[in-house]
């Protein structure tokens, strides 16, 4: 699940919040999910020009052993593309890494 809020303060860029509950797994598993998601958004932060707050809450049916960059792209690139369409030219092509 993804929550997005546009801020008024320009120039601050993207702020990311991650909420990974114990239902996902033990601490090692939860930290792996966080690392992959942080890296995904780090690689794409330059493409998001609007100041946004994004909070990610992984799905309960997420298999943490499958969590990798390919799965993150499969889940979150469509959302980023939708944000780009709604904002007009607020982002560059979401498929190209920065």
PDB file of N, CA and C in Angstrom:
ATOM      1  N   UNK A   1       0.845  -1.154   0.000  1.00  0.00           N
ATOM      2  CA  UNK A   1       0.000   0.000   0.000  1.00  0.00           C
ATOM      3  C   UNK A   1       0.901   1.230   0.000  1.00  0.00           C
ATOM      4  N   UNK A   2       0.454   2.260  -0.683  1.00  0.00           N
ATOM      5  CA  UNK A   2       1.262   3.458  -0.842  1.00  0.00           C
ATOM      6  C   UNK A   2       0.387   4.676  -0.577  1.00  0.00           C
ATOM      7  N   UNK A   3       0.868   5.556   0.289  1.00  0.00           N
ATOM      8  CA  UNK A   3       0.178   6.812   0.576  1.00  0.00           C
ATOM      9  C   UNK A   3       1.061   7.941   0.079  1.00  0.00           C
ATOM     10  N   UNK A   4       0.471   8.860  -0.686  1.00  0.00           N
ATOM     11  CA  UNK A   4       1.237   9.965  -1.264  1.00  0.00           C
ATOM     12  C   UNK A   4       0.572  11.280  -0.884  1.00  0.00           C
ATOM     13  N   UNK A   5       1.382  12.214  -0.415  1.00  0.00           N
ATOM     14  CA  UNK A   5       0.896  13.537  -0.063  1.00  0.00           C
ATOM     15  C   UNK A   5       1.829  14.564  -0.687  1.00  0.00           C
ATOM     16  N   UNK A   6       1.256  15.499  -1.432  1.00  0.00           N
ATOM     17  CA  UNK A   6       2.073  16.565  -2.009  1.00  0.00           C
ATOM     18  C   UNK A   6       2.215  17.688  -0.993  1.00  0.00           C
ATOM     19  N   UNK A   7       3.454  18.129  -0.771  1.00  0.00           N
ATOM     20  CA  UNK A   7       3.726  19.199   0.181  1.00  0.00           C
ATOM     21  C   UNK A   7       3.762  20.540  -0.533  1.00  0.00           C
ATOM     22  N   UNK A   8       3.604  21.592   0.246  1.00  0.00           N
ATOM     23  CA  UNK A   8       3.672  22.940  -0.305  1.00  0.00           C
ATOM     24  C   UNK A   8       5.114  23.424  -0.424  1.00  0.00           C
ATOM     25  N   UNK A   9       5.984  22.972   0.449  1.00  0.00           N
ATOM     26  CA  UNK A   9       7.368  23.440   0.475  1.00  0.00           C
ATOM     27  C   UNK A   9       8.118  22.906  -0.741  1.00  0.00           C
ATOM     28  N   UNK A  10       8.461  23.803  -1.641  1.00  0.00           N
ATOM     29  CA  UNK A  10       9.189  23.406  -2.848  1.00  0.00           C
ATOM     30  C   UNK A  10      10.671  23.242  -2.538  1.00  0.00           C
ATOM     31  N   UNK A  11      11.326  22.408  -3.313  1.00  0.00           N
ATOM     32  CA  UNK A  11      12.764  22.257  -3.180  1.00  0.00           C
ATOM     33  C   UNK A  11      13.216  21.160  -2.249  1.00  0.00           C
ATOM     34  N   UNK A  12      12.324  20.597  -1.459  1.00  0.00           N
ATOM     35  CA  UNK A  12      12.750  19.551  -0.544  1.00  0.00           C
ATOM     36  C   UNK A  12      12.747  18.181  -1.199  1.00  0.00           C
ATOM     37  N   UNK A  13      12.026  18.008  -2.285  1.00  0.00           N
ATOM     38  CA  UNK A  13      12.012  16.748  -2.998  1.00  0.00           C
ATOM     39  C   UNK A  13      11.217  15.671  -2.286  1.00  0.00           C
ATOM     40  N   UNK A  14      11.654  14.462  -2.444  1.00  0.00           N
ATOM     41  CA  UNK A  14      10.947  13.287  -1.950  1.00  0.00           C
ATOM     42  C   UNK A  14      11.326  12.966  -0.513  1.00  0.00           C
ATOM     43  N   UNK A  15      10.315  12.692   0.320  1.00  0.00           N
ATOM     44  CA  UNK A  15      10.539  12.142   1.664  1.00  0.00           C
ATOM     45  C   UNK A  15       9.835  10.803   1.703  1.00  0.00           C
ATOM     46  N   UNK A  16      10.533   9.790   2.194  1.00  0.00           N
ATOM     47  CA  UNK A  16      10.027   8.427   2.177  1.00  0.00           C
ATOM     48  C   UNK A  16       9.859   7.919   3.595  1.00  0.00           C
ATOM     49  N   UNK A  17       8.712   7.296   3.859  1.00  0.00           N
ATOM     50  CA  UNK A  17       8.460   6.647   5.133  1.00  0.00           C
ATOM     51  C   UNK A  17       8.125   5.190   4.884  1.00  0.00           C
ATOM     52  N   UNK A  18       8.685   4.313   5.678  1.00  0.00           N
ATOM     53  CA  UNK A  18       8.442   2.875   5.528  1.00  0.00           C
ATOM     54  C   UNK A  18       7.867   2.329   6.824  1.00  0.00           C
ATOM     55  N   UNK A  19       6.780   1.591   6.711  1.00  0.00           N
ATOM     56  CA  UNK A  19       6.171   0.948   7.862  1.00  0.00           C
ATOM     57  C   UNK A  19       6.074  -0.537   7.562  1.00  0.00           C
ATOM     58  N   UNK A  20       6.993  -1.304   8.132  1.00  0.00           N
ATOM     59  CA  UNK A  20       7.023  -2.748   7.901  1.00  0.00           C
ATOM     60  C   UNK A  20       6.720  -3.413   9.235  1.00  0.00           C
ATOM     61  N   UNK A  21       5.546  -4.028   9.327  1.00  0.00           N
ATOM     62  CA  UNK A  21       5.106  -4.582  10.605  1.00  0.00           C
ATOM     63  C   UNK A  21       5.713  -5.961  10.869  1.00  0.00           C
ATOM     64  N   UNK A  22       5.555  -6.431  12.066  1.00  0.00           N
ATOM     65  CA  UNK A  22       6.060  -7.753  12.449  1.00  0.00           C
ATOM     66  C   UNK A  22       5.379  -8.877  11.693  1.00  0.00           C
ATOM     67  N   UNK A  23       4.222  -8.599  11.129  1.00  0.00           N
ATOM     68  CA  UNK A  23       3.508  -9.622  10.363  1.00  0.00           C
ATOM     69  C   UNK A  23       4.277 -10.026   9.114  1.00  0.00           C
ATOM     70  N   UNK A  24       5.179  -9.159   8.653  1.00  0.00           N
ATOM     71  CA  UNK A  24       5.990  -9.470   7.483  1.00  0.00           C
ATOM     72  C   UNK A  24       7.045 -10.512   7.829  1.00  0.00           C
ATOM     73  N   UNK A  25       7.572 -10.474   9.035  1.00  0.00           N
ATOM     74  CA  UNK A  25       8.587 -11.441   9.431  1.00  0.00           C
ATOM     75  C   UNK A  25       9.445 -10.912  10.559  1.00  0.00           C
ATOM     76  N   UNK A  26      10.523 -11.638  10.807  1.00  0.00           N
ATOM     77  CA  UNK A  26      11.452 -11.236  11.857  1.00  0.00           C
ATOM     78  C   UNK A  26      12.234 -10.006  11.443  1.00  0.00           C
ATOM     79  N   UNK A  27      13.037  -9.480  12.349  1.00  0.00           N
ATOM     80  CA  UNK A  27      13.746  -8.214  12.126  1.00  0.00           C
ATOM     81  C   UNK A  27      14.640  -8.252  10.888  1.00  0.00           C
ATOM     82  N   UNK A  28      15.319  -9.361  10.665  1.00  0.00           N
ATOM     83  CA  UNK A  28      16.212  -9.470   9.514  1.00  0.00           C
ATOM     84  C   UNK A  28      15.417  -9.351   8.216  1.00  0.00           C
ATOM     85  N   UNK A  29      14.270  -9.983   8.178  1.00  0.00           N
ATOM     86  CA  UNK A  29      13.408  -9.956   6.994  1.00  0.00           C
ATOM     87  C   UNK A  29      12.833  -8.555   6.787  1.00  0.00           C
ATOM     88  N   UNK A  30      12.351  -7.942   7.849  1.00  0.00           N
ATOM     89  CA  UNK A  30      11.789  -6.594   7.747  1.00  0.00           C
ATOM     90  C   UNK A  30      12.842  -5.595   7.281  1.00  0.00           C
ATOM     91  N   UNK A  31      14.074  -5.734   7.771  1.00  0.00           N
ATOM     92  CA  UNK A  31      15.150  -4.832   7.367  1.00  0.00           C
ATOM     93  C   UNK A  31      15.511  -5.019   5.896  1.00  0.00           C
ATOM     94  N   UNK A  32      15.446  -6.250   5.395  1.00  0.00           N
ATOM     95  CA  UNK A  32      15.711  -6.484   3.976  1.00  0.00           C
ATOM     96  C   UNK A  32      14.664  -5.789   3.111  1.00  0.00           C
ATOM     97  N   UNK A  33      13.406  -5.890   3.504  1.00  0.00           N
ATOM     98  CA  UNK A  33      12.329  -5.216   2.776  1.00  0.00           C
ATOM     99  C   UNK A  33      12.580  -3.714   2.768  1.00  0.00           C
ATOM    100  N   UNK A  34      12.941  -3.158   3.913  1.00  0.00           N
ATOM    101  CA  UNK A  34      13.227  -1.717   3.996  1.00  0.00           C
ATOM    102  C   UNK A  34      14.393  -1.318   3.086  1.00  0.00           C
ATOM    103  N   UNK A  35      15.468  -2.109   3.102  1.00  0.00           N
ATOM    104  CA  UNK A  35      16.637  -1.778   2.285  1.00  0.00           C
ATOM    105  C   UNK A  35      16.295  -1.763   0.799  1.00  0.00           C
ATOM    106  N   UNK A  36      15.544  -2.767   0.351  1.00  0.00           N
ATOM    107  CA  UNK A  36      15.189  -2.842  -1.070  1.00  0.00           C
ATOM    108  C   UNK A  36      14.306  -1.655  -1.456  1.00  0.00           C
ATOM    109  N   UNK A  37      13.316  -1.338  -0.624  1.00  0.00           N
ATOM    110  CA  UNK A  37      12.421  -0.228  -0.940  1.00  0.00           C
ATOM    111  C   UNK A  37      13.146   1.108  -0.917  1.00  0.00           C
ATOM    112  N   UNK A  38      14.046   1.313   0.049  1.00  0.00           N
ATOM    113  CA  UNK A  38      14.827   2.552   0.093  1.00  0.00           C
ATOM    114  C   UNK A  38      15.670   2.710  -1.160  1.00  0.00           C
ATOM    115  N   UNK A  39      16.302   1.613  -1.589  1.00  0.00           N
ATOM    116  CA  UNK A  39      17.140   1.660  -2.784  1.00  0.00           C
ATOM    117  C   UNK A  39      16.307   1.961  -4.028  1.00  0.00           C
ATOM    118  N   UNK A  40      15.138   1.354  -4.136  1.00  0.00           N
ATOM    119  CA  UNK A  40      14.261   1.616  -5.278  1.00  0.00           C
ATOM    120  C   UNK A  40      13.921   3.094  -5.371  1.00  0.00           C
ATOM    121  N   UNK A  41      13.505   3.694  -4.272  1.00  0.00           N
ATOM    122  CA  UNK A  41      13.138   5.100  -4.290  1.00  0.00           C
ATOM    123  C   UNK A  41      14.359   6.004  -4.395  1.00  0.00           C
ATOM    124  N   UNK A  42      15.509   5.574  -3.880  1.00  0.00           N
ATOM    125  CA  UNK A  42      16.730   6.371  -4.015  1.00  0.00           C
ATOM    126  C   UNK A  42      17.127   6.501  -5.482  1.00  0.00           C
ATOM    127  N   UNK A  43      17.003   5.394  -6.230  1.00  0.00           N
ATOM    128  CA  UNK A  43      17.371   5.420  -7.640  1.00  0.00           C
ATOM    129  C   UNK A  43      16.426   6.276  -8.471  1.00  0.00           C
ATOM    130  N   UNK A  44      15.222   6.485  -8.004  1.00  0.00           N
ATOM    131  CA  UNK A  44      14.231   7.223  -8.766  1.00  0.00           C
ATOM    132  C   UNK A  44      13.883   8.589  -8.185  1.00  0.00           C
ATOM    133  N   UNK A  45      14.560   9.025  -7.143  1.00  0.00           N
ATOM    134  CA  UNK A  45      14.216  10.294  -6.510  1.00  0.00           C
ATOM    135  C   UNK A  45      14.482  11.492  -7.414  1.00  0.00           C
ATOM    136  N   UNK A  46      15.439  11.404  -8.299  1.00  0.00           N
ATOM    137  CA  UNK A  46      15.733  12.520  -9.196  1.00  0.00           C
ATOM    138  C   UNK A  46      14.619  12.719 -10.219  1.00  0.00           C
ATOM    139  N   UNK A  47      13.837  11.693 -10.487  1.00  0.00           N
ATOM    140  CA  UNK A  47      12.758  11.793 -11.468  1.00  0.00           C
ATOM    141  C   UNK A  47      11.521  12.458 -10.888  1.00  0.00           C
ATOM    142  N   UNK A  48      11.418  12.512  -9.573  1.00  0.00           N
ATOM    143  CA  UNK A  48      10.254  13.108  -8.930  1.00  0.00           C
ATOM    144  C   UNK A  48      10.613  14.542  -8.577  1.00  0.00           C
ATOM    145  N   UNK A  49      10.049  15.474  -9.320  1.00  0.00           N
ATOM    146  CA  UNK A  49      10.424  16.875  -9.129  1.00  0.00           C
ATOM    147  C   UNK A  49       9.508  17.595  -8.154  1.00  0.00           C
ATOM    148  N   UNK A  50       8.328  17.074  -7.920  1.00  0.00           N
ATOM    149  CA  UNK A  50       7.411  17.707  -6.962  1.00  0.00           C
ATOM    150  C   UNK A  50       7.792  17.296  -5.549  1.00  0.00           C
ATOM    151  N   UNK A  51       7.577  18.157  -4.568  1.00  0.00           N
ATOM    152  CA  UNK A  51       7.839  17.758  -3.176  1.00  0.00           C
ATOM    153  C   UNK A  51       6.735  16.814  -2.688  1.00  0.00           C
ATOM    154  N   UNK A  52       7.088  15.560  -2.474  1.00  0.00           N
ATOM    155  CA  UNK A  52       6.122  14.540  -2.079  1.00  0.00           C
ATOM    156  C   UNK A  52       6.537  13.860  -0.793  1.00  0.00           C
ATOM    157  N   UNK A  53       5.556  13.482   0.005  1.00  0.00           N
ATOM    158  CA  UNK A  53       5.749  12.566   1.125  1.00  0.00           C
ATOM    159  C   UNK A  53       5.129  11.250   0.695  1.00  0.00           C
ATOM    160  N   UNK A  54       5.920  10.190   0.713  1.00  0.00           N
ATOM    161  CA  UNK A  54       5.429   8.866   0.331  1.00  0.00           C
ATOM    162  C   UNK A  54       5.628   7.941   1.516  1.00  0.00           C
ATOM    163  N   UNK A  55       4.553   7.262   1.906  1.00  0.00           N
ATOM    164  CA  UNK A  55       4.622   6.261   2.970  1.00  0.00           C
ATOM    165  C   UNK A  55       4.264   4.916   2.356  1.00  0.00           C
ATOM    166  N   UNK A  56       5.144   3.943   2.536  1.00  0.00           N
ATOM    167  CA  UNK A  56       4.952   2.607   1.982  1.00  0.00           C
ATOM    168  C   UNK A  56       4.635   1.651   3.125  1.00  0.00           C
ATOM    169  N   UNK A  57       3.536   0.915   2.972  1.00  0.00           N
ATOM    170  CA  UNK A  57       3.149  -0.135   3.910  1.00  0.00           C
ATOM    171  C   UNK A  57       3.063  -1.415   3.093  1.00  0.00           C
ATOM    172  N   UNK A  58       4.061  -2.318   3.207  1.00  0.00           N
ATOM    173  CA  UNK A  58       4.038  -3.542   2.401  1.00  0.00           C
ATOM    174  C   UNK A  58       2.783  -4.375   2.671  1.00  0.00           C
ATOM    175  N   UNK A  59       2.323  -5.048   1.625  1.00  0.00           N
ATOM    176  CA  UNK A  59       1.140  -5.884   1.721  1.00  0.00           C
ATOM    177  C   UNK A  59       1.386  -7.063   2.653  1.00  0.00           C
ATOM    178  N   UNK A  60       0.320  -7.518   3.272  1.00  0.00           N
ATOM    179  CA  UNK A  60       0.450  -8.666   4.177  1.00  0.00           C
ATOM    180  C   UNK A  60       0.815  -9.932   3.428  1.00  0.00           C
ATOM    181  N   UNK A  61       0.382 -10.047   2.178  1.00  0.00           N
ATOM    182  CA  UNK A  61       0.678 -11.256   1.411  1.00  0.00           C
ATOM    183  C   UNK A  61       2.036 -11.195   0.719  1.00  0.00           C
ATOM    184  N   UNK A  62       2.838 -10.190   1.047  1.00  0.00           N
ATOM    185  CA  UNK A  62       4.175 -10.059   0.490  1.00  0.00           C
ATOM    186  C   UNK A  62       5.051 -11.207   0.973  1.00  0.00           C
ATOM    187  N   UNK A  63       5.721 -11.863   0.044  1.00  0.00           N
ATOM    188  CA  UNK A  63       6.685 -12.891   0.410  1.00  0.00           C
ATOM    189  C   UNK A  63       8.050 -12.216   0.522  1.00  0.00           C
ATOM    190  N   UNK A  64       8.534 -11.980   1.737  1.00  0.00           N
ATOM    191  CA  UNK A  64       9.782 -11.225   1.907  1.00  0.00           C
ATOM    192  C   UNK A  64      10.985 -11.902   1.269  1.00  0.00           C
ATOM    193  N   UNK A  65      10.933 -13.208   1.085  1.00  0.00           N
ATOM    194  CA  UNK A  65      12.054 -13.909   0.450  1.00  0.00           C
ATOM    195  C   UNK A  65      12.135 -13.564  -1.035  1.00  0.00           C
ATOM    196  N   UNK A  66      11.029 -13.159  -1.629  1.00  0.00           N
ATOM    197  CA  UNK A  66      10.997 -12.772  -3.042  1.00  0.00           C
ATOM    198  C   UNK A  66      11.293 -11.296  -3.236  1.00  0.00           C
ATOM    199  N   UNK A  67      11.357 -10.542  -2.159  1.00  0.00           N
ATOM    200  CA  UNK A  67      11.518  -9.090  -2.272  1.00  0.00           C
ATOM    201  C   UNK A  67      12.885  -8.749  -2.830  1.00  0.00           C
ATOM    202  N   UNK A  68      12.885  -8.201  -4.045  1.00  0.00           N
ATOM    203  CA  UNK A  68      14.101  -7.726  -4.670  1.00  0.00           C
ATOM    204  C   UNK A  68      13.744  -6.513  -5.517  1.00  0.00           C
ATOM    205  N   UNK A  69      14.713  -5.972  -6.211  1.00  0.00           N
ATOM    206  CA  UNK A  69      14.479  -4.763  -6.981  1.00  0.00           C
ATOM    207  C   UNK A  69      13.462  -4.990  -8.097  1.00  0.00           C
ATOM    208  N   UNK A  70      13.474  -6.174  -8.706  1.00  0.00           N
ATOM    209  CA  UNK A  70      12.519  -6.463  -9.784  1.00  0.00           C
ATOM    210  C   UNK A  70      11.085  -6.444  -9.263  1.00  0.00           C
ATOM    211  N   UNK A  71      10.854  -7.006  -8.092  1.00  0.00           N
ATOM    212  CA  UNK A  71       9.511  -7.003  -7.514  1.00  0.00           C
ATOM    213  C   UNK A  71       9.094  -5.592  -7.120  1.00  0.00           C
ATOM    214  N   UNK A  72      10.023  -4.801  -6.597  1.00  0.00           N
ATOM    215  CA  UNK A  72       9.718  -3.414  -6.241  1.00  0.00           C
ATOM    216  C   UNK A  72       9.344  -2.615  -7.485  1.00  0.00           C
ATOM    217  N   UNK A  73      10.064  -2.827  -8.581  1.00  0.00           N
ATOM    218  CA  UNK A  73       9.737  -2.137  -9.828  1.00  0.00           C
ATOM    219  C   UNK A  73       8.374  -2.563 -10.344  1.00  0.00           C
ATOM    220  N   UNK A  74       8.078  -3.842 -10.261  1.00  0.00           N
ATOM    221  CA  UNK A  74       6.785  -4.359 -10.719  1.00  0.00           C
ATOM    222  C   UNK A  74       5.632  -3.748  -9.924  1.00  0.00           C
ATOM    223  N   UNK A  75       5.824  -3.560  -8.636  1.00  0.00           N
ATOM    224  CA  UNK A  75       4.765  -3.050  -7.777  1.00  0.00           C
ATOM    225  C   UNK A  75       4.641  -1.532  -7.815  1.00  0.00           C
ATOM    226  N   UNK A  76       5.771  -0.805  -7.857  1.00  0.00           N
ATOM    227  CA  UNK A  76       5.731   0.638  -7.648  1.00  0.00           C
ATOM    228  C   UNK A  76       5.912   1.492  -8.895  1.00  0.00           C
ATOM    229  N   UNK A  77       6.489   0.954  -9.982  1.00  0.00           N
ATOM    230  CA  UNK A  77       6.622   1.763 -11.188  1.00  0.00           C
ATOM    231  C   UNK A  77       5.276   2.209 -11.755  1.00  0.00           C
ATOM    232  N   UNK A  78       4.258   1.344 -11.789  1.00  0.00           N
ATOM    233  CA  UNK A  78       2.951   1.833 -12.279  1.00  0.00           C
ATOM    234  C   UNK A  78       2.404   2.995 -11.450  1.00  0.00           C
ATOM    235  N   UNK A  79       2.658   2.974 -10.158  1.00  0.00           N
ATOM    236  CA  UNK A  79       2.184   4.067  -9.302  1.00  0.00           C
ATOM    237  C   UNK A  79       2.934   5.351  -9.629  1.00  0.00           C
ATOM    238  N   UNK A  80       4.248   5.248  -9.807  1.00  0.00           N
ATOM    239  CA  UNK A  80       5.027   6.429 -10.158  1.00  0.00           C
ATOM    240  C   UNK A  80       4.620   6.973 -11.519  1.00  0.00           C
ATOM    241  N   UNK A  81       4.320   6.087 -12.478  1.00  0.00           N
ATOM    242  CA  UNK A  81       3.869   6.531 -13.795  1.00  0.00           C
ATOM    243  C   UNK A  81       2.514   7.231 -13.688  1.00  0.00           C
ATOM    244  N   UNK A  82       1.647   6.722 -12.838  1.00  0.00           N
ATOM    245  CA  UNK A  82       0.343   7.357 -12.633  1.00  0.00           C
ATOM    246  C   UNK A  82       0.511   8.755 -12.026  1.00  0.00           C
ATOM    247  N   UNK A  83       1.417   8.879 -11.062  1.00  0.00           N
ATOM    248  CA  UNK A  83       1.699  10.200 -10.476  1.00  0.00           C
ATOM    249  C   UNK A  83       2.206  11.159 -11.543  1.00  0.00           C
ATOM    250  N   UNK A  84       3.026  10.649 -12.463  1.00  0.00           N
ATOM    251  CA  UNK A  84       3.565  11.487 -13.532  1.00  0.00           C
ATOM    252  C   UNK A  84       2.446  11.956 -14.462  1.00  0.00           C
ATOM    253  N   UNK A  85       1.519  11.052 -14.792  1.00  0.00           N
ATOM    254  CA  UNK A  85       0.403  11.438 -15.666  1.00  0.00           C
ATOM    255  C   UNK A  85      -0.485  12.480 -14.992  1.00  0.00           C
ATOM    256  N   UNK A  86      -0.743  12.314 -13.709  1.00  0.00           N
ATOM    257  CA  UNK A  86      -1.601  13.253 -12.997  1.00  0.00           C
ATOM    258  C   UNK A  86      -0.948  14.615 -12.837  1.00  0.00           C
ATOM    259  N   UNK A  87       0.369  14.637 -12.780  1.00  0.00           N
ATOM    260  CA  UNK A  87       1.087  15.897 -12.570  1.00  0.00           C
ATOM    261  C   UNK A  87       1.456  16.577 -13.882  1.00  0.00           C
ATOM    262  N   UNK A  88       1.153  15.948 -14.990  1.00  0.00           N
ATOM    263  CA  UNK A  88       1.581  16.511 -16.272  1.00  0.00           C
ATOM    264  C   UNK A  88       3.005  16.104 -16.528  1.00  0.00           C
ATOM    265  N   UNK A  89       3.899  17.051 -16.552  1.00  0.00           N
ATOM    266  CA  UNK A  89       5.316  16.755 -16.764  1.00  0.00           C
ATOM    267  C   UNK A  89       6.072  16.828 -15.450  1.00  0.00           C
ATOM    268  N   UNK A  90       5.524  16.337 -14.374  1.00  0.00           N
ATOM    269  CA  UNK A  90       6.169  16.392 -13.089  1.00  0.00           C
ATOM    270  C   UNK A  90       7.321  15.430 -12.925  1.00  0.00           C
ATOM    271  N   UNK A  91       7.432  14.429 -13.821  1.00  0.00           N
ATOM    272  CA  UNK A  91       8.519  13.444 -13.734  1.00  0.00           C
ATOM    273  C   UNK A  91       8.998  13.123 -15.135  1.00  0.00           C
ATOM    274  N   UNK A  92      10.214  12.608 -15.222  1.00  0.00           N
ATOM    275  CA  UNK A  92      10.705  12.085 -16.482  1.00  0.00           C
ATOM    276  C   UNK A  92      10.264  10.637 -16.586  1.00  0.00           C
ATOM    277  N   UNK A  93      10.750   9.927 -17.571  1.00  0.00           N
ATOM    278  CA  UNK A  93      10.357   8.540 -17.762  1.00  0.00           C
ATOM    279  C   UNK A  93      10.729   7.712 -16.544  1.00  0.00           C
ATOM    280  N   UNK A  94       9.744   7.066 -15.904  1.00  0.00           N
ATOM    281  CA  UNK A  94       9.960   6.357 -14.650  1.00  0.00           C
ATOM    282  C   UNK A  94      10.720   5.051 -14.854  1.00  0.00           C
ATOM    283  N   UNK A  95      10.858   4.581 -16.088  1.00  0.00           N
ATOM    284  CA  UNK A  95      11.543   3.309 -16.310  1.00  0.00           C
ATOM    285  C   UNK A  95      13.054   3.458 -16.353  1.00  0.00           C
ATOM    286  N   UNK A  96      13.547   4.643 -16.604  1.00  0.00           N
ATOM    287  CA  UNK A  96      14.994   4.811 -16.694  1.00  0.00           C
ATOM    288  C   UNK A  96      15.581   5.189 -15.336  1.00  0.00           C
ATOM    289  N   UNK A  97      16.568   4.431 -14.864  1.00  0.00           N
ATOM    290  CA  UNK A  97      17.186   4.782 -13.576  1.00  0.00           C
ATOM    291  C   UNK A  97      17.985   6.055 -13.715  1.00  0.00           C
ATOM    292  N   UNK A  98      18.163   6.740 -12.601  1.00  0.00           N
ATOM    293  CA  UNK A  98      18.877   8.020 -12.642  1.00  0.00           C
ATOM    294  C   UNK A  98      20.351   7.867 -12.779  1.00  0.00           C
TER     295      UNK A  98
END
